[in-house]
Amino acid sequence: MKPSIYFSFAILLIFGLENCRYPIAKQDVLESDTLFLESTDPKAKECNEEGIRFTKTIQLDSAAATWDNCILSNPNDVSLHLNRLRFYFLLDEYEVLKQKVSKESPSRSSVTYQSILKELEVRLRLEEKVVLLDALSRVKGWELFAYEELANYYLQVGNFQFAEGYFNQILEVVPFHENALYGMADIQVHKGNWYSLLDYAKSLEVSAKKNKDYHFYFLKGNFELGRYEIALKWAESASTNEKSDINFLELWRDTLLVLKDNPKWDSLLPYYRKAKEKGYSVPESVFFPTLSKEGKDVRKAVRSGRS
């Protein structure tokens, strides 16, 4: 091969590397994404548009540098932070984003970051919010807040293993953290761990300051363990608010069905009516089985299943 051909080949190779595009799957995602935001700040508008343009044309190094420089010059522009987050989220480069947030180390009282989190919630960009919270959990002052937000998210989506892990991290720092104890109690209900449920309920009985509605956990744990008399006492001592919850009422009713041949429903009726006012639609004759002939079979089934 002649030297001129070698030279031409080298030029083509260099040109090709400089213009190398990201793998096609990510290219399509970046080009078609519609969630990049315009900036309303005149100072940030130009560089924000440049960052979006570099992103859409898959010039990733230039895009990354633009987002960083743009935020450095306009640290309080929420749109810029959301766009940078979106950029790394679409590329699945979560660790890069987390390192940048850790390095910037925003204050726990940062209005900008509070606004970012709120915008992610409002815009239903919840997976991105999880990535950002994970990053903030590494920043001093944000740890407990981030753990709690992450735990509640995973609890809501039914990932009890992750939720339990984050709640445990909170409890390692603050052993009687009220919200974490409630979260752990809810997980035990889902998992059917009745002895553990009662342990968390006991901790709540001691530590709960804002929310006193922990009687359901005592009722549930004791009912499932066959301690019906104890369960009934916890049901009767609950607050009006807790007694009006339909899950609580159903369990209270079932406890009486197990304990008594012909239970009286007088104590439950006011709370059943409150539940109906909130939209509960099951008729009284169905909810209280012994009020109808057909319902007596339900009562027998409940008792036989718990005997």
Protein backbone atom coordinates (compact mmCIF):
# COMPACT_ATOMS: atom_id res chain seq x y z
CA MET A 1 0.00 0.00 0.00
CA LYS A 2 1.37 3.38 -1.00
CA PRO A 3 2.13 6.06 1.65
CA SER A 4 -0.59 8.33 0.25
CA ILE A 5 -3.12 5.54 0.72
CA TYR A 6 -1.93 5.00 4.32
CA PHE A 7 -2.36 8.73 4.94
CA SER A 8 -5.85 8.78 3.46
CA PHE A 9 -6.88 5.75 5.53
CA ALA A 10 -5.55 7.40 8.71
CA ILE A 11 -7.49 10.59 8.01
CA LEU A 12 -10.68 8.62 7.45
CA LEU A 13 -10.13 6.67 10.67
CA ILE A 14 -9.56 9.82 12.74
CA PHE A 15 -12.57 11.51 11.19
CA GLY A 16 -14.69 8.46 11.88
CA LEU A 17 -13.63 8.29 15.54
CA GLU A 18 -14.27 11.98 16.11
CA ASN A 19 -17.77 11.62 14.73
CA CYS A 20 -18.51 8.27 16.35
CA ARG A 21 -22.14 8.15 17.40
CA TYR A 22 -23.50 6.55 20.56
CA PRO A 23 -25.01 3.05 20.24
CA ILE A 24 -28.17 3.27 18.15
CA ALA A 25 -30.56 2.42 21.01
CA LYS A 26 -29.42 5.45 23.01
CA GLN A 27 -29.30 7.60 19.91
CA ASP A 28 -32.98 6.99 19.24
CA VAL A 29 -33.88 7.68 22.88
CA LEU A 30 -31.96 10.96 22.96
CA GLU A 31 -33.21 12.20 19.62
CA SER A 32 -36.87 11.48 20.34
CA ASP A 33 -37.06 12.58 24.00
CA THR A 34 -39.49 15.44 24.64
CA LEU A 35 -38.81 16.18 28.31
CA PHE A 36 -35.90 18.59 27.99
CA LEU A 37 -37.07 21.98 29.25
CA GLU A 38 -36.58 25.52 28.03
CA SER A 39 -34.99 27.96 30.44
CA THR A 40 -36.90 31.11 31.30
CA ASP A 41 -33.74 32.86 32.53
CA PRO A 42 -32.24 34.99 29.73
CA LYS A 43 -28.74 34.38 31.13
CA ALA A 44 -29.14 30.61 30.88
CA LYS A 45 -31.26 30.40 27.74
CA GLU A 46 -28.42 30.25 25.20
CA CYS A 47 -26.31 27.63 26.91
CA ASN A 48 -29.41 25.55 27.75
CA GLU A 49 -30.39 25.48 24.08
CA GLU A 50 -26.83 24.56 23.17
CA GLY A 51 -26.88 21.67 25.66
CA ILE A 52 -30.13 20.38 24.18
CA ARG A 53 -28.75 20.72 20.63
CA PHE A 54 -25.57 18.80 21.46
CA THR A 55 -27.66 16.14 23.19
CA LYS A 56 -30.07 15.73 20.29
CA THR A 57 -27.25 15.52 17.77
CA ILE A 58 -25.48 12.91 19.93
CA GLN A 59 -22.39 15.05 20.57
CA LEU A 60 -22.21 13.66 24.06
CA ASP A 61 -18.89 15.03 25.30
CA SER A 62 -19.87 18.52 24.18
CA ALA A 63 -23.30 18.12 25.74
CA ALA A 64 -21.88 16.98 29.08
CA ALA A 65 -19.41 19.87 29.19
CA THR A 66 -22.15 22.35 28.25
CA TRP A 67 -24.51 21.19 30.99
CA ASP A 68 -21.74 21.44 33.58
CA ASN A 69 -20.58 24.89 32.48
CA CYS A 70 -24.13 26.13 32.17
CA ILE A 71 -24.97 25.05 35.73
CA LEU A 72 -21.67 26.49 36.99
CA SER A 73 -22.69 29.86 35.54
CA ASN A 74 -26.36 29.56 36.54
CA PRO A 75 -26.43 27.38 39.68
CA ASN A 76 -30.00 28.29 40.65
CA ASP A 77 -31.70 27.56 37.33
CA VAL A 78 -33.93 24.56 38.01
CA SER A 79 -34.45 23.76 34.32
CA LEU A 80 -30.72 23.30 33.78
CA HIS A 81 -30.46 20.84 36.66
CA LEU A 82 -33.48 18.92 35.38
CA ASN A 83 -32.02 18.78 31.87
CA ARG A 84 -28.63 17.56 33.06
CA LEU A 85 -30.36 14.92 35.15
CA ARG A 86 -32.44 13.90 32.13
CA PHE A 87 -29.29 13.66 30.00
CA TYR A 88 -27.54 11.21 32.33
CA PHE A 89 -30.76 9.35 33.10
CA LEU A 90 -31.40 8.59 29.43
CA LEU A 91 -27.82 7.36 29.06
CA ASP A 92 -28.13 5.15 32.20
CA GLU A 93 -25.02 6.92 33.51
CA TYR A 94 -26.37 7.34 37.03
CA GLU A 95 -23.02 7.17 38.79
CA VAL A 96 -21.62 10.07 36.77
CA LEU A 97 -24.57 12.24 37.80
CA LYS A 98 -24.28 11.14 41.43
CA GLN A 99 -20.60 12.07 41.52
CA LYS A 100 -21.38 15.52 40.13
CA VAL A 101 -24.10 16.16 42.72
CA SER A 102 -21.83 14.91 45.51
CA LYS A 103 -19.05 17.21 44.33
CA GLU A 104 -21.39 20.21 44.15
CA SER A 105 -22.62 19.30 47.66
CA PRO A 106 -25.80 21.39 47.82
CA SER A 107 -26.94 22.64 51.21
CA ARG A 108 -29.85 20.82 52.84
CA SER A 109 -31.68 24.15 52.85
CA SER A 110 -31.08 24.71 49.13
CA VAL A 111 -34.22 26.22 47.60
CA THR A 112 -32.97 25.15 44.18
CA TYR A 113 -32.76 21.47 45.07
CA GLN A 114 -36.08 21.56 46.92
CA SER A 115 -37.60 22.98 43.73
CA ILE A 116 -35.90 20.33 41.58
CA LEU A 117 -37.37 17.54 43.71
CA LYS A 118 -40.80 19.15 43.66
CA GLU A 119 -40.72 19.55 39.87
CA LEU A 120 -39.76 15.91 39.42
CA GLU A 121 -42.73 14.92 41.58
CA VAL A 122 -45.17 17.20 39.74
CA ARG A 123 -43.93 16.05 36.34
CA LEU A 124 -44.13 12.38 37.43
CA ARG A 125 -40.45 11.89 36.65
CA LEU A 126 -40.25 9.60 39.66
CA GLU A 127 -37.45 7.31 38.48
CA GLU A 128 -35.26 10.36 37.92
CA LYS A 129 -36.19 11.57 41.39
CA VAL A 130 -34.95 8.25 42.77
CA VAL A 131 -31.60 8.73 41.01
CA LEU A 132 -31.27 12.26 42.41
CA LEU A 133 -32.27 11.18 45.94
CA ASP A 134 -29.67 8.42 45.80
CA ALA A 135 -27.11 11.09 44.88
CA LEU A 136 -28.28 13.38 47.70
CA SER A 137 -28.05 10.54 50.22
CA ARG A 138 -24.27 10.89 49.80
CA VAL A 139 -24.34 14.60 50.65
CA LYS A 140 -23.98 15.68 54.27
CA GLY A 141 -27.26 16.86 55.74
CA TRP A 142 -29.43 15.14 53.13
CA GLU A 143 -28.97 11.56 54.31
CA LEU A 144 -32.06 10.97 56.46
CA PHE A 145 -34.34 12.94 54.16
CA ALA A 146 -33.15 10.99 51.12
CA TYR A 147 -33.40 7.62 52.88
CA GLU A 148 -36.97 8.32 53.96
CA GLU A 149 -38.05 9.51 50.52
CA LEU A 150 -36.47 6.46 48.89
CA ALA A 151 -37.99 4.10 51.45
CA ASN A 152 -41.48 5.52 50.91
CA TYR A 153 -41.10 5.31 47.13
CA TYR A 154 -40.10 1.64 47.24
CA LEU A 155 -42.85 0.91 49.75
CA GLN A 156 -45.43 2.43 47.40
CA VAL A 157 -44.22 0.41 44.41
CA GLY A 158 -44.14 -2.81 46.45
CA ASN A 159 -40.38 -3.31 46.56
CA PHE A 160 -40.33 -4.21 50.24
CA GLN A 161 -36.72 -5.39 50.24
CA PHE A 162 -35.41 -1.99 49.14
CA ALA A 163 -37.88 -0.12 51.36
CA GLU A 164 -36.81 -2.15 54.38
CA GLY A 165 -33.17 -1.47 53.62
CA TYR A 166 -33.65 2.30 53.60
CA PHE A 167 -35.87 2.31 56.70
CA ASN A 168 -33.22 0.26 58.50
CA GLN A 169 -30.56 2.81 57.56
CA ILE A 170 -32.70 5.50 59.20
CA LEU A 171 -33.26 3.40 62.33
CA GLU A 172 -29.53 2.78 62.66
CA VAL A 173 -29.10 6.54 63.07
CA VAL A 174 -32.37 7.35 64.87
CA PRO A 175 -33.63 4.13 66.56
CA PHE A 176 -37.12 5.53 67.32
CA HIS A 177 -37.67 7.47 64.09
CA GLU A 178 -41.47 7.61 63.94
CA ASN A 179 -42.00 7.48 60.18
CA ALA A 180 -39.44 4.71 59.73
CA LEU A 181 -41.15 2.62 62.41
CA TYR A 182 -44.51 3.07 60.69
CA GLY A 183 -42.93 2.07 57.40
CA MET A 184 -41.36 -1.03 58.90
CA ALA A 185 -44.66 -1.97 60.54
CA ASP A 186 -46.44 -1.71 57.17
CA ILE A 187 -43.81 -3.97 55.61
CA GLN A 188 -44.33 -6.60 58.31
CA VAL A 189 -48.07 -6.58 57.56
CA HIS A 190 -47.35 -7.18 53.86
CA LYS A 191 -44.86 -9.94 54.68
CA GLY A 192 -46.99 -11.58 57.37
CA ASN A 193 -44.30 -11.29 60.06
CA TRP A 194 -46.66 -11.00 63.04
CA TYR A 195 -44.13 -11.14 65.88
CA SER A 196 -41.97 -8.51 64.18
CA LEU A 197 -45.10 -6.43 63.60
CA LEU A 198 -45.85 -6.42 67.33
CA ASP A 199 -42.26 -5.43 68.09
CA TYR A 200 -42.54 -2.38 65.84
CA ALA A 201 -45.96 -1.59 67.28
CA LYS A 202 -44.46 -1.57 70.78
CA SER A 203 -41.75 0.83 69.62
CA LEU A 204 -44.42 3.10 68.14
CA GLU A 205 -46.40 3.02 71.37
CA VAL A 206 -43.35 4.49 73.09
CA SER A 207 -42.11 6.88 70.41
CA ALA A 208 -45.10 8.08 68.37
CA LYS A 209 -45.61 11.82 68.84
CA LYS A 210 -47.38 13.07 65.71
CA ASN A 211 -49.38 9.99 64.73
CA LYS A 212 -51.07 7.88 67.40
CA ASP A 213 -52.78 5.54 64.94
CA TYR A 214 -50.69 2.46 65.71
CA HIS A 215 -53.49 0.38 67.28
CA PHE A 216 -54.17 -1.39 63.98
CA TYR A 217 -50.77 -3.05 64.18
CA PHE A 218 -51.52 -4.46 67.65
CA LEU A 219 -54.96 -5.52 66.45
CA LYS A 220 -53.58 -7.19 63.31
CA GLY A 221 -50.64 -8.92 64.96
CA ASN A 222 -52.67 -10.34 67.85
CA PHE A 223 -55.56 -11.35 65.60
CA GLU A 224 -53.28 -13.28 63.25
CA LEU A 225 -51.60 -14.98 66.21
CA GLY A 226 -54.97 -16.05 67.61
CA ARG A 227 -54.91 -13.69 70.59
CA TYR A 228 -58.43 -12.43 70.00
CA GLU A 229 -59.21 -11.04 73.45
CA ILE A 230 -56.02 -8.94 73.38
CA ALA A 231 -56.77 -7.86 69.81
CA LEU A 232 -60.25 -6.71 70.86
CA LYS A 233 -58.84 -4.55 73.64
CA TRP A 234 -56.56 -2.78 71.17
CA ALA A 235 -59.48 -2.27 68.80
CA GLU A 236 -61.60 -0.69 71.50
CA SER A 237 -58.84 1.67 72.66
CA ALA A 238 -58.08 3.14 69.22
CA SER A 239 -58.87 6.72 68.20
CA THR A 240 -62.02 7.72 66.32
CA ASN A 241 -59.91 8.39 63.23
CA GLU A 242 -58.36 4.93 63.28
CA LYS A 243 -61.67 3.18 63.98
CA SER A 244 -63.17 4.87 60.92
CA ASP A 245 -60.58 3.28 58.62
CA ILE A 246 -62.23 0.47 56.70
CA ASN A 247 -59.32 -1.97 57.08
CA PHE A 248 -59.42 -1.42 60.84
CA LEU A 249 -63.21 -1.85 60.93
CA GLU A 250 -63.08 -5.10 58.96
CA LEU A 251 -60.52 -6.57 61.31
CA TRP A 252 -62.41 -5.36 64.38
CA ARG A 253 -65.58 -6.96 62.98
CA ASP A 254 -63.76 -10.25 62.25
CA THR A 255 -62.36 -10.31 65.78
CA LEU A 256 -65.88 -10.09 67.19
CA LEU A 257 -67.09 -12.76 64.76
CA VAL A 258 -64.45 -15.16 66.05
CA LEU A 259 -65.07 -14.39 69.72
CA LYS A 260 -68.86 -14.26 69.95
CA ASP A 261 -71.76 -16.40 68.73
CA ASN A 262 -74.02 -13.39 68.23
CA PRO A 263 -71.84 -10.26 68.28
CA LYS A 264 -73.41 -6.86 68.88
CA TRP A 265 -72.44 -4.22 66.35
CA ASP A 266 -73.45 -1.14 68.33
CA SER A 267 -69.85 -0.09 69.01
CA LEU A 268 -68.87 -0.37 65.32
CA LEU A 269 -71.93 1.28 63.74
CA PRO A 270 -70.87 4.95 64.26
CA TYR A 271 -67.49 4.29 62.61
CA TYR A 272 -69.03 2.24 59.81
CA ARG A 273 -71.28 5.23 59.07
CA LYS A 274 -68.28 7.56 59.07
CA ALA A 275 -66.60 5.23 56.56
CA LYS A 276 -69.73 5.38 54.38
CA GLU A 277 -69.61 9.17 54.50
CA LYS A 278 -66.09 8.91 53.06
CA GLY A 279 -67.35 6.81 50.16
CA TYR A 280 -67.40 3.22 51.44
CA SER A 281 -70.20 1.49 49.51
CA VAL A 282 -70.67 -1.98 51.08
CA PRO A 283 -74.22 -2.23 52.52
CA GLU A 284 -74.67 -2.62 56.25
CA SER A 285 -76.30 -6.04 55.87
CA VAL A 286 -73.23 -7.29 53.98
CA PHE A 287 -70.60 -5.68 56.18
CA PHE A 288 -72.20 -7.07 59.35
CA PRO A 289 -72.90 -10.66 58.27
CA THR A 290 -75.15 -11.72 61.15
CA LEU A 291 -77.75 -9.12 60.14
CA SER A 292 -78.85 -11.31 57.24
CA LYS A 293 -79.57 -15.03 56.87
CA GLU A 294 -76.95 -15.38 54.13
CA GLY A 295 -74.37 -13.65 56.25
CA LYS A 296 -74.48 -16.29 58.94
CA ASP A 297 -72.57 -18.61 56.63
CA VAL A 298 -69.87 -15.95 56.36
CA ARG A 299 -69.69 -15.79 60.15
CA LYS A 300 -69.29 -19.57 60.30
CA ALA A 301 -66.54 -19.47 57.70
CA VAL A 302 -64.60 -16.78 59.59
CA ARG A 303 -64.90 -18.67 62.87
CA SER A 304 -63.95 -22.03 61.42
CA GLY A 305 -60.97 -20.50 59.68
CA ARG A 306 -59.75 -19.01 62.97
CA SER A 307 -60.64 -21.81 65.38
